[in-house]
Amino acid sequence: MDAHSIRFEIGFNPLGGALPDAEQAIADARAAVRTGADPFSGVHRAAAAFRSAGWMPAVLFTEAIDACSPIAHIQSRLYDGALADLAHAVAMRNLPALTRSASLFERYRSLRVAAEGEGVHVGYETFAMAGRVVPYATIAAVSDKDLSAVRTRYETALLGALRGGVERLVREAALIELEWCASALAGADPLDIWRLAGACMHLLREHGPQLPDDRRLLAGFNMLLADQAGGATRAPRELVRSAVALLWRASIPPSDTPERPVEYDGLLRDYGVAVGRPPSPVDSPETLWEQAATRDEIQSRIARGLTGEALAVDRSRFIGPLVVAAGAYEDFLATADASMAALGDASRLSSMRTSDAAQASEAAFRMAAASAALGLGQVGLLADALALSWRMRARALAEARESILASRIGDTALTLGTDALRGALLRIAAGIPPLPLDQSIATLQELIDSN
């Protein structure tokens, strides 16, 4: 994959937050490399800005660059190319697309290998899913006879899928067979691993493998068959993360058809991922609202007799290192108010109605999508974790089964998560970056795992 395809993968998001401190720090690091100086300072300042904004994949990327600093002048082309790609990605103000960029990940992989050696394994999910809560996936019970028959067919088809990269028809036929195997093993649980596997195989059949990890994922499902034969009832978490990462990577619609529904949106939500889409840069409701608000403010100032510099309207808002457009900021706060009103309703915790839990989940997903679009990375991860917790609670209530999520322990964890999200939003409203949310996210991960 051409690393420079990042310029086509990540489009400009006019409502996303800019990180000028990070952009300047990367520029300083590139200048240091070109002059033979140490890029250490610039790289570390960029990492600090990314960490404060919650851009977790960018933090990993800068850590990989830092690990390569001792060989920066030996591998100057790789090193400067990585800095250039990161600079371009940051300038696009599009955190969701940066997170899912396959070509940026390939550059990250190259950095890790250069720093640690050829033997290091670097998975796409490590980069794309950094800091994200993902639930376990279940394995439905299948008779030994049926499982054995499916394993034989899967292993035979797998060889065609792995070896048929050049011959499209061979690969396609093999993936059709693998997709059938997954459907034969899939159970009724929304979090059934073979349901997820079937979606991945269908996607690979339509678009073809794009990373080495895609083929590794198919081999991972083959190893899962051995685990299932041994009596396993849950899939390994890393396999689940890899599968979700593949679907998430493909969930961005082409820029020329933004109205197209997001593929696998429901399945991704089952695994706690609010897809969201970068807003259109032309005449979106938010930009029109911002233009109207600015025009009204200018007219108001003229009416008060202001001229010159006093007439200028400040159209930027600052959240620590993140700089956002005033209209996008106000729109985000309006979304946050509505979402927190739904999440903070105490009656929802005591309610045993599926609809109440589902509404809370949707409110949290809206909060997650809005946070990611603005560039508030860790806030979005916490909101996604809350949304997943509520979604799993809604499912348990619909199935009338006991669940930790619907217990007093679950109520406490959901309340703490909601309080942490509210505290983060209060700081954002005051222009202060949120405190680290790792502990709150980890608490929700424990709640989800215990279900």
Protein backbone atom coordinates (compact mmCIF):
# COMPACT_ATOMS: atom_id res chain seq x y z
CA MET A 1 0.00 0.00 0.00
CA ASP A 2 1.31 3.43 -0.96
CA ALA A 3 1.87 5.39 2.24
CA HIS A 4 1.02 8.62 0.45
CA SER A 5 -2.56 7.40 -0.08
CA ILE A 6 -3.16 8.88 3.37
CA ARG A 7 -3.84 12.12 1.51
CA PHE A 8 -6.87 10.48 -0.05
CA GLU A 9 -7.96 8.54 3.03
CA ILE A 10 -8.24 11.49 5.38
CA GLY A 11 -10.41 14.34 4.16
CA PHE A 12 -10.59 17.75 5.78
CA ASN A 13 -13.18 18.08 8.54
CA PRO A 14 -14.19 21.76 8.88
CA LEU A 15 -15.79 21.18 12.28
CA GLY A 16 -12.91 19.20 13.75
CA GLY A 17 -10.50 20.66 16.25
CA ALA A 18 -7.04 21.80 15.20
CA LEU A 19 -3.93 21.04 17.24
CA PRO A 20 -1.58 23.93 16.37
CA ASP A 21 0.84 23.00 19.16
CA ALA A 22 1.23 19.52 17.70
CA GLU A 23 1.54 20.87 14.15
CA GLN A 24 4.29 23.28 15.19
CA ALA A 25 6.07 20.60 17.21
CA ILE A 26 6.09 18.22 14.22
CA ALA A 27 7.38 21.03 11.97
CA ASP A 28 10.18 21.68 14.48
CA ALA A 29 11.05 17.96 14.54
CA ARG A 30 11.21 17.85 10.73
CA ALA A 31 13.44 20.94 10.68
CA ALA A 32 15.74 19.30 13.25
CA VAL A 33 16.06 16.15 11.11
CA ARG A 34 16.91 18.18 8.02
CA THR A 35 19.64 20.14 9.85
CA GLY A 36 21.10 17.12 11.64
CA ALA A 37 19.85 18.25 15.08
CA ASP A 38 18.03 16.07 17.64
CA PRO A 39 14.23 15.91 16.94
CA PHE A 40 13.59 14.77 20.53
CA SER A 41 11.99 18.03 21.75
CA GLY A 42 9.54 18.40 18.86
CA VAL A 43 8.41 14.77 19.01
CA HIS A 44 7.77 14.91 22.75
CA ARG A 45 5.84 18.19 22.52
CA ALA A 46 3.65 16.67 19.81
CA ALA A 47 3.02 13.59 21.97
CA ALA A 48 2.01 15.78 24.92
CA ALA A 49 -0.51 17.69 22.76
CA PHE A 50 -1.97 14.43 21.40
CA ARG A 51 -2.24 12.95 24.88
CA SER A 52 -4.00 16.04 26.24
CA ALA A 53 -6.52 15.97 23.36
CA GLY A 54 -7.03 12.21 23.70
CA TRP A 55 -5.76 11.35 20.19
CA MET A 56 -4.57 7.92 21.29
CA PRO A 57 -3.45 6.48 17.90
CA ALA A 58 -1.43 9.66 17.31
CA VAL A 59 0.17 9.15 20.74
CA LEU A 60 1.19 5.63 19.67
CA PHE A 61 2.52 6.99 16.38
CA THR A 62 4.70 9.61 18.09
CA GLU A 63 5.96 6.99 20.55
CA ALA A 64 7.04 4.88 17.57
CA ILE A 65 8.75 7.92 16.03
CA ASP A 66 10.48 8.57 19.35
CA ALA A 67 11.69 4.98 19.50
CA CYS A 68 13.28 5.55 16.07
CA SER A 69 15.03 8.78 17.09
CA PRO A 70 18.43 7.07 17.58
CA ILE A 71 18.36 6.06 13.91
CA ALA A 72 16.66 9.24 12.62
CA HIS A 73 19.70 10.26 10.58
CA ILE A 74 20.34 6.73 9.32
CA GLN A 75 16.72 6.19 8.33
CA SER A 76 16.08 9.84 7.52
CA ARG A 77 13.75 9.11 4.60
CA LEU A 78 11.53 6.83 6.69
CA TYR A 79 11.67 9.16 9.69
CA ASP A 80 10.91 12.38 7.80
CA GLY A 81 8.23 10.59 5.74
CA ALA A 82 6.52 9.48 8.95
CA LEU A 83 6.60 13.02 10.33
CA ALA A 84 5.22 14.36 7.02
CA ASP A 85 2.34 11.86 7.01
CA LEU A 86 1.50 12.61 10.62
CA ALA A 87 1.62 16.36 9.94
CA HIS A 88 -0.80 15.96 7.04
CA ALA A 89 -3.16 13.76 9.08
CA VAL A 90 -3.23 16.22 11.99
CA ALA A 91 -3.84 19.17 9.66
CA MET A 92 -6.99 17.46 8.34
CA ARG A 93 -8.61 17.81 11.80
CA ASN A 94 -10.28 14.44 11.27
CA LEU A 95 -9.66 12.21 14.27
CA PRO A 96 -12.02 9.36 13.23
CA ALA A 97 -10.37 9.04 9.81
CA LEU A 98 -6.87 9.35 11.30
CA THR A 99 -7.68 6.53 13.71
CA ARG A 100 -8.86 4.23 10.91
CA SER A 101 -6.23 5.11 8.31
CA ALA A 102 -4.70 1.91 6.93
CA SER A 103 -1.81 3.72 5.24
CA LEU A 104 -0.93 5.73 8.37
CA PHE A 105 -0.93 2.43 10.23
CA GLU A 106 1.46 0.93 7.66
CA ARG A 107 3.85 3.80 8.34
CA TYR A 108 3.44 3.14 12.08
CA ARG A 109 4.21 -0.54 11.49
CA SER A 110 7.37 0.38 9.56
CA LEU A 111 8.53 2.59 12.43
CA ARG A 112 7.97 -0.17 14.98
CA VAL A 113 9.85 -2.69 12.89
CA ALA A 114 12.71 -0.22 12.30
CA ALA A 115 12.99 0.43 16.04
CA GLU A 116 12.46 -3.12 17.35
CA GLY A 117 13.39 -5.50 14.54
CA GLU A 118 11.65 -7.71 12.02
CA GLY A 119 10.34 -10.12 14.66
CA VAL A 120 7.95 -7.63 16.26
CA HIS A 121 4.24 -8.17 15.60
CA VAL A 122 2.24 -4.97 15.09
CA GLY A 123 -1.52 -5.45 14.65
CA TYR A 124 -3.78 -2.92 12.98
CA GLU A 125 -6.22 -3.20 15.90
CA THR A 126 -3.54 -1.96 18.32
CA PHE A 127 -3.44 1.32 16.43
CA ALA A 128 -7.08 1.71 15.40
CA MET A 129 -8.67 0.48 18.64
CA ALA A 130 -6.29 2.21 21.08
CA GLY A 131 -8.01 2.83 24.41
CA ARG A 132 -11.33 1.40 23.21
CA VAL A 133 -13.59 -0.93 25.21
CA VAL A 134 -14.61 -4.04 23.26
CA PRO A 135 -16.76 -6.82 24.76
CA TYR A 136 -16.09 -10.52 24.60
CA ALA A 137 -17.78 -12.43 21.78
CA THR A 138 -19.59 -15.69 22.46
CA ILE A 139 -19.33 -19.07 20.71
CA ALA A 140 -22.59 -20.92 20.14
CA ALA A 141 -22.78 -24.63 20.93
CA VAL A 142 -22.55 -26.90 17.87
CA SER A 143 -22.54 -30.69 17.74
CA ASP A 144 -19.13 -32.34 17.39
CA LYS A 145 -20.15 -33.90 14.08
CA ASP A 146 -21.27 -30.60 12.54
CA LEU A 147 -18.24 -28.74 13.88
CA SER A 148 -15.88 -31.33 12.43
CA ALA A 149 -17.52 -31.07 9.01
CA VAL A 150 -17.32 -27.26 9.04
CA ARG A 151 -13.67 -27.34 10.15
CA THR A 152 -12.75 -29.53 7.18
CA ARG A 153 -14.50 -27.21 4.73
CA TYR A 154 -13.02 -24.11 6.39
CA GLU A 155 -9.44 -25.39 6.27
CA THR A 156 -9.78 -26.35 2.61
CA ALA A 157 -11.27 -22.98 1.65
CA LEU A 158 -8.73 -21.09 3.75
CA LEU A 159 -5.89 -22.26 1.53
CA GLY A 160 -7.66 -20.80 -1.50
CA ALA A 161 -8.33 -17.51 0.30
CA LEU A 162 -4.70 -17.14 1.36
CA ARG A 163 -3.15 -18.28 -1.92
CA GLY A 164 -5.64 -16.72 -4.29
CA GLY A 165 -4.53 -13.13 -3.83
CA VAL A 166 -3.58 -12.77 -7.48
CA GLU A 167 -6.41 -14.84 -8.94
CA ARG A 168 -9.51 -12.91 -7.96
CA LEU A 169 -12.00 -15.67 -8.83
CA VAL A 170 -10.13 -18.24 -6.74
CA ARG A 171 -10.08 -15.93 -3.74
CA GLU A 172 -13.73 -14.99 -4.22
CA ALA A 173 -14.89 -18.60 -4.36
CA ALA A 174 -12.88 -19.42 -1.25
CA LEU A 175 -14.33 -16.49 0.67
CA ILE A 176 -17.86 -17.51 -0.32
CA GLU A 177 -17.14 -20.91 1.20
CA LEU A 178 -15.65 -19.34 4.35
CA GLU A 179 -18.69 -17.10 4.66
CA TRP A 180 -20.91 -20.17 4.48
CA CYS A 181 -18.88 -21.84 7.25
CA ALA A 182 -19.35 -18.79 9.47
CA SER A 183 -23.12 -18.74 8.86
CA ALA A 184 -23.33 -22.46 9.69
CA LEU A 185 -21.71 -21.85 13.07
CA ALA A 186 -23.39 -18.54 13.97
CA GLY A 187 -25.75 -18.45 16.93
CA ALA A 188 -28.57 -16.09 17.88
CA ASP A 189 -26.52 -13.93 20.27
CA PRO A 190 -25.82 -10.47 18.77
CA LEU A 191 -22.26 -10.84 20.12
CA ASP A 192 -21.75 -14.25 18.49
CA ILE A 193 -18.22 -14.42 17.07
CA TRP A 194 -19.24 -16.26 13.89
CA ARG A 195 -21.81 -13.59 13.11
CA LEU A 196 -18.95 -11.08 13.30
CA ALA A 197 -16.69 -13.37 11.28
CA GLY A 198 -19.30 -13.71 8.52
CA ALA A 199 -19.47 -9.93 8.15
CA CYS A 200 -15.66 -9.75 7.87
CA MET A 201 -15.58 -12.47 5.20
CA HIS A 202 -18.33 -10.77 3.23
CA LEU A 203 -16.39 -7.52 3.38
CA LEU A 204 -13.16 -9.17 2.23
CA ARG A 205 -15.03 -10.84 -0.63
CA GLU A 206 -16.35 -7.46 -1.78
CA HIS A 207 -13.17 -5.42 -1.38
CA GLY A 208 -10.33 -7.90 -1.10
CA PRO A 209 -7.65 -8.05 1.63
CA GLN A 210 -5.94 -4.68 2.07
CA LEU A 211 -3.52 -5.42 4.91
CA PRO A 212 -1.53 -8.51 5.93
CA ASP A 213 -3.72 -8.46 9.05
CA ASP A 214 -6.76 -9.34 6.92
CA ARG A 215 -5.26 -12.71 5.99
CA ARG A 216 -4.03 -13.19 9.55
CA LEU A 217 -7.61 -12.67 10.73
CA LEU A 218 -8.87 -15.52 8.51
CA ALA A 219 -6.17 -17.76 9.98
CA GLY A 220 -7.22 -16.63 13.45
CA PHE A 221 -10.77 -17.83 12.83
CA ASN A 222 -9.31 -21.19 11.83
CA MET A 223 -7.52 -21.40 15.19
CA LEU A 224 -10.79 -20.42 16.86
CA LEU A 225 -12.33 -23.59 15.41
CA ALA A 226 -9.75 -25.61 17.36
CA ASP A 227 -10.61 -23.67 20.53
CA GLN A 228 -14.30 -24.32 19.91
CA ALA A 229 -13.64 -28.04 19.48
CA GLY A 230 -11.89 -27.90 22.86
CA GLY A 231 -15.01 -26.48 24.52
CA ALA A 232 -14.32 -22.73 24.47
CA THR A 233 -17.42 -20.53 24.91
CA ARG A 234 -15.75 -17.14 24.33
CA ALA A 235 -13.49 -15.92 21.55
CA PRO A 236 -10.06 -14.43 22.35
CA ARG A 237 -10.36 -10.68 22.84
CA GLU A 238 -7.60 -9.83 20.35
CA LEU A 239 -9.41 -11.78 17.63
CA VAL A 240 -12.57 -9.81 18.37
CA ARG A 241 -10.69 -6.51 18.30
CA SER A 242 -9.12 -7.43 14.96
CA ALA A 243 -12.49 -8.28 13.43
CA VAL A 244 -14.14 -5.10 14.74
CA ALA A 245 -11.18 -3.04 13.50
CA LEU A 246 -11.61 -4.49 9.99
CA LEU A 247 -15.32 -3.56 9.87
CA TRP A 248 -14.60 -0.13 11.34
CA ARG A 249 -11.86 0.53 8.78
CA ALA A 250 -14.35 -0.05 5.98
CA SER A 251 -17.18 1.94 7.56
CA ILE A 252 -16.27 5.36 6.12
CA PRO A 253 -18.43 5.99 3.04
CA PRO A 254 -16.69 7.42 -0.05
CA SER A 255 -16.49 11.21 0.02
CA ASP A 256 -18.55 11.45 -3.15
CA THR A 257 -21.49 9.58 -1.59
CA PRO A 258 -21.73 10.89 2.00
CA GLU A 259 -25.43 10.10 2.16
CA ARG A 260 -24.83 6.34 1.84
CA PRO A 261 -25.76 4.45 5.01
CA VAL A 262 -22.80 3.25 7.06
CA GLU A 263 -22.17 -0.43 6.37
CA TYR A 264 -22.42 -2.69 9.44
CA ASP A 265 -23.47 0.23 11.65
CA GLY A 266 -25.67 -1.96 13.88
CA LEU A 267 -23.02 -4.64 14.25
CA LEU A 268 -20.36 -2.08 15.15
CA ARG A 269 -22.66 -0.60 17.80
CA ASP A 270 -23.07 -4.08 19.29
CA TYR A 271 -19.32 -3.91 19.90
CA GLY A 272 -19.35 -0.36 21.26
CA VAL A 273 -18.27 1.64 18.23
CA ALA A 274 -20.14 4.78 17.18
CA VAL A 275 -19.11 5.16 13.57
CA GLY A 276 -20.08 8.76 12.95
CA ARG A 277 -19.07 10.48 9.72
CA PRO A 278 -16.99 13.57 9.05
CA PRO A 279 -19.40 16.41 8.27
CA SER A 280 -19.65 17.76 4.75
CA PRO A 281 -17.34 20.76 4.27
CA VAL A 282 -19.95 22.53 2.16
CA ASP A 283 -23.12 24.02 3.56
CA SER A 284 -23.59 21.57 6.42
CA PRO A 285 -26.23 22.65 8.97
CA GLU A 286 -23.46 23.40 11.44
CA THR A 287 -21.44 25.64 9.12
CA LEU A 288 -24.59 27.45 8.01
CA TRP A 289 -25.50 27.94 11.66
CA GLU A 290 -22.03 29.29 12.39
CA GLN A 291 -22.19 31.70 9.45
CA ALA A 292 -25.61 32.95 10.56
CA ALA A 293 -24.45 33.36 14.18
CA THR A 294 -21.37 35.28 13.08
CA ARG A 295 -23.43 37.53 10.81
CA ASP A 296 -25.90 38.25 13.63
CA GLU A 297 -23.04 39.04 16.03
CA ILE A 298 -21.45 41.47 13.55
CA GLN A 299 -24.78 43.22 12.98
CA SER A 300 -25.26 43.45 16.75
CA ARG A 301 -21.84 45.06 17.18
CA ILE A 302 -22.47 47.51 14.34
CA ALA A 303 -25.76 48.49 15.99
CA ARG A 304 -23.78 49.31 19.16
CA GLY A 305 -21.48 51.61 17.15
CA LEU A 306 -18.40 49.38 17.17
CA THR A 307 -15.86 49.67 14.37
CA GLY A 308 -12.38 48.41 13.46
CA GLU A 309 -10.89 45.72 15.68
CA ALA A 310 -13.81 45.99 18.10
CA LEU A 311 -16.03 44.77 15.25
CA ALA A 312 -14.08 41.54 14.72
CA VAL A 313 -15.79 38.37 15.89
CA ASP A 314 -13.71 35.72 17.63
CA ARG A 315 -14.65 32.50 15.83
CA SER A 316 -12.32 30.20 17.77
CA ARG A 317 -12.66 28.42 21.08
CA PHE A 318 -9.79 26.78 22.99
CA ILE A 319 -9.94 23.47 24.90
CA GLY A 320 -6.38 23.07 26.09
CA PRO A 321 -4.31 22.44 22.92
CA LEU A 322 -7.46 21.89 20.81
CA VAL A 323 -8.72 24.89 18.82
CA VAL A 324 -12.28 24.59 17.45
CA ALA A 325 -14.61 26.79 15.45
CA ALA A 326 -17.09 28.69 17.61
CA GLY A 327 -20.10 27.30 15.77
CA ALA A 328 -18.91 23.71 16.03
CA TYR A 329 -18.15 24.25 19.73
CA GLU A 330 -21.63 25.61 20.47
CA ASP A 331 -23.23 22.83 18.46
CA PHE A 332 -21.22 20.26 20.40
CA LEU A 333 -22.32 21.73 23.73
CA ALA A 334 -25.94 21.62 22.58
CA THR A 335 -25.55 17.94 21.69
CA ALA A 336 -23.86 17.35 25.04
CA ASP A 337 -26.68 19.03 26.96
CA ALA A 338 -29.31 16.87 25.28
CA SER A 339 -27.30 13.66 25.69
CA MET A 340 -26.48 14.29 29.34
CA ALA A 341 -30.12 15.05 30.09
CA ALA A 342 -30.96 11.56 28.83
CA LEU A 343 -28.00 9.86 30.53
CA GLY A 344 -28.44 11.72 33.82
CA ASP A 345 -32.11 10.79 34.24
CA ALA A 346 -32.07 8.87 37.55
CA SER A 347 -35.30 7.06 36.66
CA ARG A 348 -33.52 5.15 33.88
CA LEU A 349 -31.38 3.25 36.38
CA SER A 350 -34.41 2.07 38.32
CA SER A 351 -36.39 1.36 35.14
CA MET A 352 -36.70 -2.21 33.92
CA ARG A 353 -37.92 -1.14 30.49
CA THR A 354 -35.82 -2.00 27.47
CA SER A 355 -36.75 1.28 25.77
CA ASP A 356 -35.24 3.38 28.58
CA ALA A 357 -31.90 1.58 28.38
CA ALA A 358 -31.94 1.77 24.56
CA GLN A 359 -32.59 5.52 24.65
CA ALA A 360 -29.69 6.02 27.07
CA SER A 361 -27.45 4.01 24.75
CA GLU A 362 -28.41 6.12 21.73
CA ALA A 363 -27.78 9.32 23.70
CA ALA A 364 -24.29 8.11 24.63
CA PHE A 365 -23.54 7.09 21.03
CA ARG A 366 -24.54 10.59 19.86
CA MET A 367 -22.21 12.03 22.46
CA ALA A 368 -19.41 9.73 21.27
CA ALA A 369 -19.84 10.64 17.60
CA ALA A 370 -19.96 14.38 18.39
CA SER A 371 -16.85 14.15 20.59
CA ALA A 372 -14.86 12.24 17.97
CA ALA A 373 -15.90 14.68 15.22
CA LEU A 374 -14.76 17.66 17.32
CA GLY A 375 -11.47 15.94 18.20
CA LEU A 376 -12.13 15.07 21.84
CA GLY A 377 -10.72 11.57 21.63
CA GLN A 378 -10.90 10.19 25.14
CA VAL A 379 -14.30 11.76 25.80
CA GLY A 380 -15.56 9.87 22.77
CA LEU A 381 -14.06 6.60 24.05
CA LEU A 382 -15.78 7.03 27.43
CA ALA A 383 -19.12 7.84 25.76
CA ASP A 384 -18.78 4.77 23.53
CA ALA A 385 -18.12 2.59 26.59
CA LEU A 386 -21.21 4.02 28.31
CA ALA A 387 -23.27 3.44 25.17
CA LEU A 388 -22.12 -0.18 24.98
CA SER A 389 -22.96 -0.75 28.66
CA TRP A 390 -26.48 0.61 28.18
CA ARG A 391 -26.94 -1.36 24.95
CA MET A 392 -26.00 -4.61 26.69
CA ARG A 393 -28.33 -3.73 29.56
CA ALA A 394 -31.18 -3.15 27.09
CA ARG A 395 -30.52 -6.56 25.54
CA ALA A 396 -30.53 -8.29 28.93
CA LEU A 397 -33.85 -6.64 29.83
CA ALA A 398 -35.37 -7.60 26.48
CA GLU A 399 -34.34 -11.21 27.03
CA ALA A 400 -35.63 -11.09 30.64
CA ARG A 401 -32.40 -12.52 32.01
CA GLU A 402 -30.32 -11.59 35.02
CA SER A 403 -27.40 -9.33 34.27
CA ILE A 404 -24.65 -7.65 36.22
CA LEU A 405 -25.35 -4.59 34.08
CA ALA A 406 -28.87 -4.36 35.52
CA SER A 407 -27.75 -4.94 39.12
CA ARG A 408 -26.77 -2.55 41.86
CA ILE A 409 -23.12 -3.02 40.83
CA GLY A 410 -24.08 -2.07 37.28
CA ASP A 411 -26.00 0.98 38.50
CA THR A 412 -22.93 2.18 40.40
CA ALA A 413 -20.58 1.74 37.45
CA LEU A 414 -22.98 3.48 35.04
CA THR A 415 -23.44 6.35 37.49
CA LEU A 416 -19.68 6.77 37.95
CA GLY A 417 -19.15 6.69 34.19
CA THR A 418 -21.89 9.27 33.62
CA ASP A 419 -20.46 11.51 36.36
CA ALA A 420 -16.99 11.29 34.79
CA LEU A 421 -18.44 12.24 31.39
CA ARG A 422 -20.37 15.14 32.92
CA GLY A 423 -17.22 16.37 34.68
CA ALA A 424 -15.29 16.23 31.41
CA LEU A 425 -17.98 18.24 29.63
CA LEU A 426 -18.04 20.88 32.36
CA ARG A 427 -14.31 21.36 31.91
CA ILE A 428 -14.71 21.54 28.14
CA ALA A 429 -17.43 24.19 28.54
CA ALA A 430 -14.93 26.20 30.59
CA GLY A 431 -12.23 25.77 27.93
CA ILE A 432 -10.20 23.36 30.08
CA PRO A 433 -9.09 19.95 28.75
CA PRO A 434 -10.66 16.98 30.56
CA LEU A 435 -8.72 15.06 33.16
CA PRO A 436 -7.53 11.57 32.10
CA LEU A 437 -10.52 9.23 31.78
CA ASP A 438 -8.62 5.93 31.70
CA GLN A 439 -9.89 4.77 35.09
CA SER A 440 -13.53 5.47 34.24
CA ILE A 441 -13.18 3.59 30.94
CA ALA A 442 -11.46 0.67 32.74
CA THR A 443 -14.34 0.49 35.26
CA LEU A 444 -16.86 0.16 32.45
CA GLN A 445 -14.63 -2.46 30.78
CA GLU A 446 -14.75 -4.53 33.99
CA LEU A 447 -18.54 -4.17 34.13
CA ILE A 448 -18.93 -5.29 30.50
CA ASP A 449 -16.52 -8.21 30.96
CA SER A 450 -18.39 -9.45 34.03
CA ASN A 451 -21.70 -9.64 32.22
